[in-house]
Amino acid sequence: MTTKRHDVRIWLSLEERYQLDLEAERLGMSRSALIRERALAYNSGAVHLDFHGYSRALSKAAQTVSGIPRTQLEAIVASVINSICHAETTDSVPAASAHPD
């Protein structure tokens, strides 16, 4: 069964459109599908994270701490991401990091 789609217009700068085109191409989907997926995921409270986002988080963690084997660091980063992605909307999030500056 095919769902009838309706036209919705949005205004983007050339740079925003270019960024959406690059992301859609990288993910193998149309720009419309990407926008639809992101808009609906946002409304559902879902967190969007792909391999590149995970890789960036892991690299940032590796730059932040030293002396932890990469396999352990991967487990820590994955655990934190899973906790964030599966958190109930009623969970409270700490306002500040426990790490002193």
PDB file of N, CA and C in Angstrom:
ATOM      1  N   MET A   1       0.841  -1.179   0.000  1.00  0.00           N
ATOM      2  CA  MET A   1       0.000   0.000   0.000  1.00  0.00           C
ATOM      3  C   MET A   1       0.885   1.241   0.000  1.00  0.00           C
ATOM      4  N   THR A   2       0.671   2.125  -0.935  1.00  0.00           N
ATOM      5  CA  THR A   2       1.460   3.340  -1.075  1.00  0.00           C
ATOM      6  C   THR A   2       0.761   4.492  -0.363  1.00  0.00           C
ATOM      7  N   THR A   3       1.523   5.231   0.421  1.00  0.00           N
ATOM      8  CA  THR A   3       0.987   6.392   1.123  1.00  0.00           C
ATOM      9  C   THR A   3       1.109   7.605   0.221  1.00  0.00           C
ATOM     10  N   LYS A   4       0.035   8.358   0.091  1.00  0.00           N
ATOM     11  CA  LYS A   4       0.073   9.578  -0.713  1.00  0.00           C
ATOM     12  C   LYS A   4       0.899  10.623   0.026  1.00  0.00           C
ATOM     13  N   ARG A   5       1.831  11.202  -0.660  1.00  0.00           N
ATOM     14  CA  ARG A   5       2.693  12.223  -0.065  1.00  0.00           C
ATOM     15  C   ARG A   5       2.200  13.606  -0.489  1.00  0.00           C
ATOM     16  N   HIS A   6       2.446  14.566   0.381  1.00  0.00           N
ATOM     17  CA  HIS A   6       2.049  15.948   0.130  1.00  0.00           C
ATOM     18  C   HIS A   6       3.284  16.818   0.113  1.00  0.00           C
ATOM     19  N   ASP A   7       3.242  17.838  -0.713  1.00  0.00           N
ATOM     20  CA  ASP A   7       4.365  18.752  -0.866  1.00  0.00           C
ATOM     21  C   ASP A   7       4.503  19.643   0.369  1.00  0.00           C
ATOM     22  N   VAL A   8       5.732  19.734   0.887  1.00  0.00           N
ATOM     23  CA  VAL A   8       6.062  20.652   1.981  1.00  0.00           C
ATOM     24  C   VAL A   8       7.300  21.408   1.543  1.00  0.00           C
ATOM     25  N   ARG A   9       7.240  22.721   1.595  1.00  0.00           N
ATOM     26  CA  ARG A   9       8.375  23.528   1.158  1.00  0.00           C
ATOM     27  C   ARG A   9       9.195  23.998   2.348  1.00  0.00           C
ATOM     28  N   ILE A  10      10.512  23.966   2.162  1.00  0.00           N
ATOM     29  CA  ILE A  10      11.424  24.531   3.150  1.00  0.00           C
ATOM     30  C   ILE A  10      12.414  25.412   2.410  1.00  0.00           C
ATOM     31  N   TRP A  11      12.956  26.368   3.108  1.00  0.00           N
ATOM     32  CA  TRP A  11      13.928  27.274   2.518  1.00  0.00           C
ATOM     33  C   TRP A  11      15.299  26.958   3.107  1.00  0.00           C
ATOM     34  N   LEU A  12      16.271  26.731   2.216  1.00  0.00           N
ATOM     35  CA  LEU A  12      17.632  26.397   2.623  1.00  0.00           C
ATOM     36  C   LEU A  12      18.618  27.323   1.932  1.00  0.00           C
ATOM     37  N   SER A  13      19.718  27.590   2.597  1.00  0.00           N
ATOM     38  CA  SER A  13      20.804  28.302   1.922  1.00  0.00           C
ATOM     39  C   SER A  13      21.466  27.308   0.976  1.00  0.00           C
ATOM     40  N   LEU A  14      22.272  27.798   0.063  1.00  0.00           N
ATOM     41  CA  LEU A  14      22.996  26.904  -0.847  1.00  0.00           C
ATOM     42  C   LEU A  14      23.898  25.953  -0.072  1.00  0.00           C
ATOM     43  N   GLU A  15      24.526  26.458   0.993  1.00  0.00           N
ATOM     44  CA  GLU A  15      25.406  25.623   1.807  1.00  0.00           C
ATOM     45  C   GLU A  15      24.615  24.524   2.517  1.00  0.00           C
ATOM     46  N   GLU A  16      23.452  24.866   3.061  1.00  0.00           N
ATOM     47  CA  GLU A  16      22.621  23.860   3.725  1.00  0.00           C
ATOM     48  C   GLU A  16      22.167  22.782   2.736  1.00  0.00           C
ATOM     49  N   ARG A  17      21.758  23.220   1.557  1.00  0.00           N
ATOM     50  CA  ARG A  17      21.326  22.253   0.530  1.00  0.00           C
ATOM     51  C   ARG A  17      22.491  21.356   0.120  1.00  0.00           C
ATOM     52  N   TYR A  18      23.660  21.942  -0.045  1.00  0.00           N
ATOM     53  CA  TYR A  18      24.852  21.171  -0.407  1.00  0.00           C
ATOM     54  C   TYR A  18      25.170  20.143   0.673  1.00  0.00           C
ATOM     55  N   GLN A  19      25.108  20.543   1.948  1.00  0.00           N
ATOM     56  CA  GLN A  19      25.378  19.614   3.043  1.00  0.00           C
ATOM     57  C   GLN A  19      24.369  18.460   3.056  1.00  0.00           C
ATOM     58  N   LEU A  20      23.094  18.772   2.828  1.00  0.00           N
ATOM     59  CA  LEU A  20      22.078  17.718   2.771  1.00  0.00           C
ATOM     60  C   LEU A  20      22.330  16.778   1.592  1.00  0.00           C
ATOM     61  N   ASP A  21      22.710  17.346   0.451  1.00  0.00           N
ATOM     62  CA  ASP A  21      23.004  16.514  -0.727  1.00  0.00           C
ATOM     63  C   ASP A  21      24.173  15.576  -0.460  1.00  0.00           C
ATOM     64  N   LEU A  22      25.234  16.094   0.167  1.00  0.00           N
ATOM     65  CA  LEU A  22      26.394  15.251   0.484  1.00  0.00           C
ATOM     66  C   LEU A  22      26.013  14.126   1.442  1.00  0.00           C
ATOM     67  N   GLU A  23      25.275  14.460   2.481  1.00  0.00           N
ATOM     68  CA  GLU A  23      24.865  13.465   3.472  1.00  0.00           C
ATOM     69  C   GLU A  23      23.942  12.418   2.844  1.00  0.00           C
ATOM     70  N   ALA A  24      23.001  12.863   2.027  1.00  0.00           N
ATOM     71  CA  ALA A  24      22.078  11.934   1.374  1.00  0.00           C
ATOM     72  C   ALA A  24      22.835  10.996   0.437  1.00  0.00           C
ATOM     73  N   GLU A  25      23.778  11.541  -0.318  1.00  0.00           N
ATOM     74  CA  GLU A  25      24.573  10.709  -1.218  1.00  0.00           C
ATOM     75  C   GLU A  25      25.388   9.688  -0.427  1.00  0.00           C
ATOM     76  N   ARG A  26      25.995  10.129   0.667  1.00  0.00           N
ATOM     77  CA  ARG A  26      26.804   9.234   1.494  1.00  0.00           C
ATOM     78  C   ARG A  26      25.959   8.091   2.061  1.00  0.00           C
ATOM     79  N   LEU A  27      24.710   8.393   2.392  1.00  0.00           N
ATOM     80  CA  LEU A  27      23.822   7.384   2.962  1.00  0.00           C
ATOM     81  C   LEU A  27      23.050   6.600   1.901  1.00  0.00           C
ATOM     82  N   GLY A  28      23.199   7.002   0.628  1.00  0.00           N
ATOM     83  CA  GLY A  28      22.515   6.304  -0.458  1.00  0.00           C
ATOM     84  C   GLY A  28      21.016   6.531  -0.478  1.00  0.00           C
ATOM     85  N   MET A  29      20.612   7.760  -0.186  1.00  0.00           N
ATOM     86  CA  MET A  29      19.183   8.072  -0.190  1.00  0.00           C
ATOM     87  C   MET A  29      18.966   9.434  -0.827  1.00  0.00           C
ATOM     88  N   SER A  30      17.734   9.744  -1.128  1.00  0.00           N
ATOM     89  CA  SER A  30      17.424  11.047  -1.715  1.00  0.00           C
ATOM     90  C   SER A  30      17.440  12.118  -0.631  1.00  0.00           C
ATOM     91  N   ARG A  31      17.566  13.359  -1.051  1.00  0.00           N
ATOM     92  CA  ARG A  31      17.524  14.474  -0.110  1.00  0.00           C
ATOM     93  C   ARG A  31      16.183  14.500   0.613  1.00  0.00           C
ATOM     94  N   SER A  32      15.098  14.273  -0.119  1.00  0.00           N
ATOM     95  CA  SER A  32      13.765  14.254   0.495  1.00  0.00           C
ATOM     96  C   SER A  32      13.660  13.176   1.558  1.00  0.00           C
ATOM     97  N   ALA A  33      14.169  11.979   1.255  1.00  0.00           N
ATOM     98  CA  ALA A  33      14.122  10.876   2.225  1.00  0.00           C
ATOM     99  C   ALA A  33      14.935  11.227   3.468  1.00  0.00           C
ATOM    100  N   LEU A  34      16.090  11.854   3.282  1.00  0.00           N
ATOM    101  CA  LEU A  34      16.936  12.243   4.412  1.00  0.00           C
ATOM    102  C   LEU A  34      16.214  13.259   5.299  1.00  0.00           C
ATOM    103  N   ILE A  35      15.641  14.277   4.683  1.00  0.00           N
ATOM    104  CA  ILE A  35      14.926  15.307   5.448  1.00  0.00           C
ATOM    105  C   ILE A  35      13.747  14.677   6.190  1.00  0.00           C
ATOM    106  N   ARG A  36      12.990  13.822   5.506  1.00  0.00           N
ATOM    107  CA  ARG A  36      11.844  13.166   6.126  1.00  0.00           C
ATOM    108  C   ARG A  36      12.283  12.309   7.316  1.00  0.00           C
ATOM    109  N   GLU A  37      13.351  11.522   7.114  1.00  0.00           N
ATOM    110  CA  GLU A  37      13.862  10.658   8.182  1.00  0.00           C
ATOM    111  C   GLU A  37      14.308  11.473   9.387  1.00  0.00           C
ATOM    112  N   ARG A  38      15.052  12.544   9.130  1.00  0.00           N
ATOM    113  CA  ARG A  38      15.560  13.373  10.229  1.00  0.00           C
ATOM    114  C   ARG A  38      14.415  14.090  10.950  1.00  0.00           C
ATOM    115  N   ALA A  39      13.469  14.602  10.197  1.00  0.00           N
ATOM    116  CA  ALA A  39      12.352  15.325  10.824  1.00  0.00           C
ATOM    117  C   ALA A  39      11.519  14.388  11.680  1.00  0.00           C
ATOM    118  N   LEU A  40      11.230  13.212  11.190  1.00  0.00           N
ATOM    119  CA  LEU A  40      10.408  12.272  11.950  1.00  0.00           C
ATOM    120  C   LEU A  40      11.173  11.677  13.119  1.00  0.00           C
ATOM    121  N   ALA A  41      12.466  11.440  12.949  1.00  0.00           N
ATOM    122  CA  ALA A  41      13.274  10.925  14.057  1.00  0.00           C
ATOM    123  C   ALA A  41      13.362  11.973  15.155  1.00  0.00           C
ATOM    124  N   TYR A  42      13.496  13.237  14.775  1.00  0.00           N
ATOM    125  CA  TYR A  42      13.565  14.309  15.756  1.00  0.00           C
ATOM    126  C   TYR A  42      12.276  14.366  16.572  1.00  0.00           C
ATOM    127  N   ASN A  43      11.146  14.264  15.890  1.00  0.00           N
ATOM    128  CA  ASN A  43       9.862  14.337  16.583  1.00  0.00           C
ATOM    129  C   ASN A  43       9.621  13.142  17.487  1.00  0.00           C
ATOM    130  N   SER A  44      10.235  12.000  17.180  1.00  0.00           N
ATOM    131  CA  SER A  44      10.025  10.814  18.000  1.00  0.00           C
ATOM    132  C   SER A  44      10.994  10.755  19.174  1.00  0.00           C
ATOM    133  N   GLY A  45      11.938  11.686  19.223  1.00  0.00           N
ATOM    134  CA  GLY A  45      12.925  11.685  20.290  1.00  0.00           C
ATOM    135  C   GLY A  45      14.112  10.784  19.999  1.00  0.00           C
ATOM    136  N   ALA A  46      14.165  10.203  18.799  1.00  0.00           N
ATOM    137  CA  ALA A  46      15.261   9.311  18.440  1.00  0.00           C
ATOM    138  C   ALA A  46      16.548  10.103  18.261  1.00  0.00           C
ATOM    139  N   VAL A  47      17.654   9.457  18.547  1.00  0.00           N
ATOM    140  CA  VAL A  47      18.963  10.064  18.363  1.00  0.00           C
ATOM    141  C   VAL A  47      19.548   9.505  17.079  1.00  0.00           C
ATOM    142  N   HIS A  48      19.977  10.376  16.184  1.00  0.00           N
ATOM    143  CA  HIS A  48      20.571   9.917  14.934  1.00  0.00           C
ATOM    144  C   HIS A  48      22.072   9.769  15.127  1.00  0.00           C
ATOM    145  N   LEU A  49      22.555   8.564  14.902  1.00  0.00           N
ATOM    146  CA  LEU A  49      23.989   8.325  14.995  1.00  0.00           C
ATOM    147  C   LEU A  49      24.358   7.266  13.975  1.00  0.00           C
ATOM    148  N   ASP A  50      25.283   7.591  13.118  1.00  0.00           N
ATOM    149  CA  ASP A  50      25.751   6.623  12.140  1.00  0.00           C
ATOM    150  C   ASP A  50      27.200   6.257  12.461  1.00  0.00           C
ATOM    151  N   PHE A  51      27.799   5.439  11.621  1.00  0.00           N
ATOM    152  CA  PHE A  51      29.164   4.986  11.867  1.00  0.00           C
ATOM    153  C   PHE A  51      30.140   6.155  11.979  1.00  0.00           C
ATOM    154  N   HIS A  52      29.958   7.168  11.135  1.00  0.00           N
ATOM    155  CA  HIS A  52      30.877   8.311  11.156  1.00  0.00           C
ATOM    156  C   HIS A  52      30.752   9.096  12.464  1.00  0.00           C
ATOM    157  N   GLY A  53      29.540   9.232  12.963  1.00  0.00           N
ATOM    158  CA  GLY A  53      29.346   9.902  14.245  1.00  0.00           C
ATOM    159  C   GLY A  53      29.972   9.120  15.380  1.00  0.00           C
ATOM    160  N   TYR A  54      29.808   7.806  15.340  1.00  0.00           N
ATOM    161  CA  TYR A  54      30.433   6.948  16.358  1.00  0.00           C
ATOM    162  C   TYR A  54      31.948   7.058  16.282  1.00  0.00           C
ATOM    163  N   SER A  55      32.483   7.037  15.075  1.00  0.00           N
ATOM    164  CA  SER A  55      33.930   7.130  14.878  1.00  0.00           C
ATOM    165  C   SER A  55      34.471   8.452  15.408  1.00  0.00           C
ATOM    166  N   ARG A  56      33.733   9.549  15.166  1.00  0.00           N
ATOM    167  CA  ARG A  56      34.148  10.861  15.683  1.00  0.00           C
ATOM    168  C   ARG A  56      34.127  10.873  17.213  1.00  0.00           C
ATOM    169  N   ALA A  57      33.100  10.271  17.802  1.00  0.00           N
ATOM    170  CA  ALA A  57      33.013  10.216  19.262  1.00  0.00           C
ATOM    171  C   ALA A  57      34.165   9.407  19.846  1.00  0.00           C
ATOM    172  N   LEU A  58      34.493   8.303  19.201  1.00  0.00           N
ATOM    173  CA  LEU A  58      35.588   7.463  19.664  1.00  0.00           C
ATOM    174  C   LEU A  58      36.927   8.188  19.541  1.00  0.00           C
ATOM    175  N   SER A  59      37.142   8.875  18.432  1.00  0.00           N
ATOM    176  CA  SER A  59      38.389   9.632  18.238  1.00  0.00           C
ATOM    177  C   SER A  59      38.518  10.743  19.268  1.00  0.00           C
ATOM    178  N   LYS A  60      37.407  11.429  19.550  1.00  0.00           N
ATOM    179  CA  LYS A  60      37.424  12.506  20.539  1.00  0.00           C
ATOM    180  C   LYS A  60      37.745  11.943  21.921  1.00  0.00           C
ATOM    181  N   ALA A  61      37.170  10.795  22.254  1.00  0.00           N
ATOM    182  CA  ALA A  61      37.458  10.169  23.548  1.00  0.00           C
ATOM    183  C   ALA A  61      38.925   9.770  23.631  1.00  0.00           C
ATOM    184  N   ALA A  62      39.473   9.246  22.540  1.00  0.00           N
ATOM    185  CA  ALA A  62      40.884   8.840  22.525  1.00  0.00           C
ATOM    186  C   ALA A  62      41.809  10.044  22.698  1.00  0.00           C
ATOM    187  N   GLN A  63      41.403  11.209  22.169  1.00  0.00           N
ATOM    188  CA  GLN A  63      42.203  12.425  22.323  1.00  0.00           C
ATOM    189  C   GLN A  63      42.106  12.962  23.759  1.00  0.00           C
ATOM    190  N   THR A  64      40.981  12.720  24.391  1.00  0.00           N
ATOM    191  CA  THR A  64      40.725  13.268  25.719  1.00  0.00           C
ATOM    192  C   THR A  64      41.447  12.510  26.819  1.00  0.00           C
ATOM    193  N   VAL A  65      41.512  11.187  26.685  1.00  0.00           N
ATOM    194  CA  VAL A  65      42.143  10.362  27.719  1.00  0.00           C
ATOM    195  C   VAL A  65      43.294   9.560  27.110  1.00  0.00           C
ATOM    196  N   SER A  66      44.227   9.209  27.943  1.00  0.00           N
ATOM    197  CA  SER A  66      45.320   8.356  27.478  1.00  0.00           C
ATOM    198  C   SER A  66      45.484   7.203  28.448  1.00  0.00           C
ATOM    199  N   GLY A  67      46.125   6.155  27.996  1.00  0.00           N
ATOM    200  CA  GLY A  67      46.396   5.023  28.860  1.00  0.00           C
ATOM    201  C   GLY A  67      45.301   3.978  28.907  1.00  0.00           C
ATOM    202  N   ILE A  68      44.221   4.177  28.153  1.00  0.00           N
ATOM    203  CA  ILE A  68      43.148   3.186  28.109  1.00  0.00           C
ATOM    204  C   ILE A  68      43.257   2.450  26.775  1.00  0.00           C
ATOM    205  N   PRO A  69      43.342   1.118  26.799  1.00  0.00           N
ATOM    206  CA  PRO A  69      43.394   0.378  25.537  1.00  0.00           C
ATOM    207  C   PRO A  69      42.172   0.683  24.668  1.00  0.00           C
ATOM    208  N   ARG A  70      42.374   0.744  23.370  1.00  0.00           N
ATOM    209  CA  ARG A  70      41.304   1.128  22.448  1.00  0.00           C
ATOM    210  C   ARG A  70      40.070   0.239  22.589  1.00  0.00           C
ATOM    211  N   THR A  71      40.250  -1.051  22.805  1.00  0.00           N
ATOM    212  CA  THR A  71      39.084  -1.939  22.936  1.00  0.00           C
ATOM    213  C   THR A  71      38.240  -1.555  24.147  1.00  0.00           C
ATOM    214  N   GLN A  72      38.894  -1.166  25.240  1.00  0.00           N
ATOM    215  CA  GLN A  72      38.143  -0.729  26.418  1.00  0.00           C
ATOM    216  C   GLN A  72      37.474   0.606  26.162  1.00  0.00           C
ATOM    217  N   LEU A  73      38.167   1.489  25.466  1.00  0.00           N
ATOM    218  CA  LEU A  73      37.602   2.789  25.130  1.00  0.00           C
ATOM    219  C   LEU A  73      36.373   2.622  24.236  1.00  0.00           C
ATOM    220  N   GLU A  74      36.445   1.706  23.278  1.00  0.00           N
ATOM    221  CA  GLU A  74      35.297   1.446  22.403  1.00  0.00           C
ATOM    222  C   GLU A  74      34.106   0.970  23.217  1.00  0.00           C
ATOM    223  N   ALA A  75      34.342   0.091  24.180  1.00  0.00           N
ATOM    224  CA  ALA A  75      33.255  -0.406  25.027  1.00  0.00           C
ATOM    225  C   ALA A  75      32.634   0.724  25.843  1.00  0.00           C
ATOM    226  N   ILE A  76      33.463   1.628  26.346  1.00  0.00           N
ATOM    227  CA  ILE A  76      32.965   2.757  27.140  1.00  0.00           C
ATOM    228  C   ILE A  76      32.125   3.685  26.263  1.00  0.00           C
ATOM    229  N   VAL A  77      32.650   4.058  25.097  1.00  0.00           N
ATOM    230  CA  VAL A  77      31.929   4.965  24.195  1.00  0.00           C
ATOM    231  C   VAL A  77      30.609   4.329  23.760  1.00  0.00           C
ATOM    232  N   ALA A  78      30.630   3.061  23.398  1.00  0.00           N
ATOM    233  CA  ALA A  78      29.402   2.379  22.978  1.00  0.00           C
ATOM    234  C   ALA A  78      28.378   2.347  24.113  1.00  0.00           C
ATOM    235  N   SER A  79      28.840   2.119  25.330  1.00  0.00           N
ATOM    236  CA  SER A  79      27.950   2.082  26.483  1.00  0.00           C
ATOM    237  C   SER A  79      27.298   3.442  26.718  1.00  0.00           C
ATOM    238  N   VAL A  80      28.085   4.502  26.609  1.00  0.00           N
ATOM    239  CA  VAL A  80      27.537   5.853  26.803  1.00  0.00           C
ATOM    240  C   VAL A  80      26.518   6.172  25.718  1.00  0.00           C
ATOM    241  N   ILE A  81      26.848   5.864  24.467  1.00  0.00           N
ATOM    242  CA  ILE A  81      25.920   6.139  23.369  1.00  0.00           C
ATOM    243  C   ILE A  81      24.630   5.344  23.553  1.00  0.00           C
ATOM    244  N   ASN A  82      24.738   4.078  23.912  1.00  0.00           N
ATOM    245  CA  ASN A  82      23.541   3.268  24.145  1.00  0.00           C
ATOM    246  C   ASN A  82      22.701   3.844  25.281  1.00  0.00           C
ATOM    247  N   SER A  83      23.345   4.304  26.329  1.00  0.00           N
ATOM    248  CA  SER A  83      22.616   4.902  27.447  1.00  0.00           C
ATOM    249  C   SER A  83      21.857   6.141  26.997  1.00  0.00           C
ATOM    250  N   ILE A  84      22.491   6.969  26.191  1.00  0.00           N
ATOM    251  CA  ILE A  84      21.847   8.186  25.695  1.00  0.00           C
ATOM    252  C   ILE A  84      20.694   7.834  24.759  1.00  0.00           C
ATOM    253  N   CYS A  85      20.922   6.904  23.851  1.00  0.00           N
ATOM    254  CA  CYS A  85      19.908   6.547  22.859  1.00  0.00           C
ATOM    255  C   CYS A  85      18.695   5.862  23.480  1.00  0.00           C
ATOM    256  N   HIS A  86      18.899   5.150  24.567  1.00  0.00           N
ATOM    257  CA  HIS A  86      17.807   4.388  25.163  1.00  0.00           C
ATOM    258  C   HIS A  86      17.288   4.990  26.464  1.00  0.00           C
ATOM    259  N   ALA A  87      17.709   6.199  26.767  1.00  0.00           N
ATOM    260  CA  ALA A  87      17.258   6.856  27.997  1.00  0.00           C
ATOM    261  C   ALA A  87      15.782   7.195  27.893  1.00  0.00           C
ATOM    262  N   GLU A  88      15.089   7.041  28.988  1.00  0.00           N
ATOM    263  CA  GLU A  88      13.682   7.448  29.049  1.00  0.00           C
ATOM    264  C   GLU A  88      13.639   8.976  29.032  1.00  0.00           C
ATOM    265  N   THR A  89      12.576   9.533  28.516  1.00  0.00           N
ATOM    266  CA  THR A  89      12.460  10.986  28.452  1.00  0.00           C
ATOM    267  C   THR A  89      12.358  11.598  29.841  1.00  0.00           C
ATOM    268  N   THR A  90      12.022  10.800  30.842  1.00  0.00           N
ATOM    269  CA  THR A  90      11.910  11.328  32.201  1.00  0.00           C
ATOM    270  C   THR A  90      13.233  11.282  32.944  1.00  0.00           C
ATOM    271  N   ASP A  91      14.256  10.622  32.360  1.00  0.00           N
ATOM    272  CA  ASP A  91      15.566  10.580  33.011  1.00  0.00           C
ATOM    273  C   ASP A  91      16.144  11.977  33.082  1.00  0.00           C
ATOM    274  N   SER A  92      16.827  12.261  34.168  1.00  0.00           N
ATOM    275  CA  SER A  92      17.496  13.553  34.271  1.00  0.00           C
ATOM    276  C   SER A  92      18.915  13.420  33.750  1.00  0.00           C
ATOM    277  N   VAL A  93      19.381  14.471  33.145  1.00  0.00           N
ATOM    278  CA  VAL A  93      20.740  14.515  32.613  1.00  0.00           C
ATOM    279  C   VAL A  93      21.537  15.473  33.480  1.00  0.00           C
ATOM    280  N   PRO A  94      22.713  15.062  33.956  1.00  0.00           N
ATOM    281  CA  PRO A  94      23.528  15.961  34.787  1.00  0.00           C
ATOM    282  C   PRO A  94      23.799  17.278  34.063  1.00  0.00           C
ATOM    283  N   ALA A  95      23.708  18.372  34.789  1.00  0.00           N
ATOM    284  CA  ALA A  95      23.906  19.691  34.194  1.00  0.00           C
ATOM    285  C   ALA A  95      25.361  19.961  33.883  1.00  0.00           C
ATOM    286  N   ALA A  96      26.266  19.360  34.627  1.00  0.00           N
ATOM    287  CA  ALA A  96      27.678  19.629  34.415  1.00  0.00           C
ATOM    288  C   ALA A  96      28.474  18.348  34.546  1.00  0.00           C
ATOM    289  N   SER A  97      29.613  18.325  33.921  1.00  0.00           N
ATOM    290  CA  SER A  97      30.490  17.167  33.990  1.00  0.00           C
ATOM    291  C   SER A  97      31.137  17.094  35.361  1.00  0.00           C
ATOM    292  N   ALA A  98      31.424  15.873  35.787  1.00  0.00           N
ATOM    293  CA  ALA A  98      32.113  15.687  37.074  1.00  0.00           C
ATOM    294  C   ALA A  98      33.591  15.985  36.945  1.00  0.00           C
ATOM    295  N   HIS A  99      34.049  16.151  35.714  1.00  0.00           N
ATOM    296  CA  HIS A  99      35.473  16.408  35.455  1.00  0.00           C
ATOM    297  C   HIS A  99      35.800  17.857  35.781  1.00  0.00           C
ATOM    298  N   PRO A 100      36.708  18.126  36.690  1.00  0.00           N
ATOM    299  CA  PRO A 100      37.050  19.538  37.003  1.00  0.00           C
ATOM    300  C   PRO A 100      37.876  20.154  35.885  1.00  0.00           C
ATOM    301  N   ASP A 101      37.641  21.410  35.651  1.00  0.00           N
ATOM    302  CA  ASP A 101      38.398  22.132  34.607  1.00  0.00           C
ATOM    303  C   ASP A 101      39.612  22.798  35.182  1.00  0.00           C
TER     304      ASP A 101
END
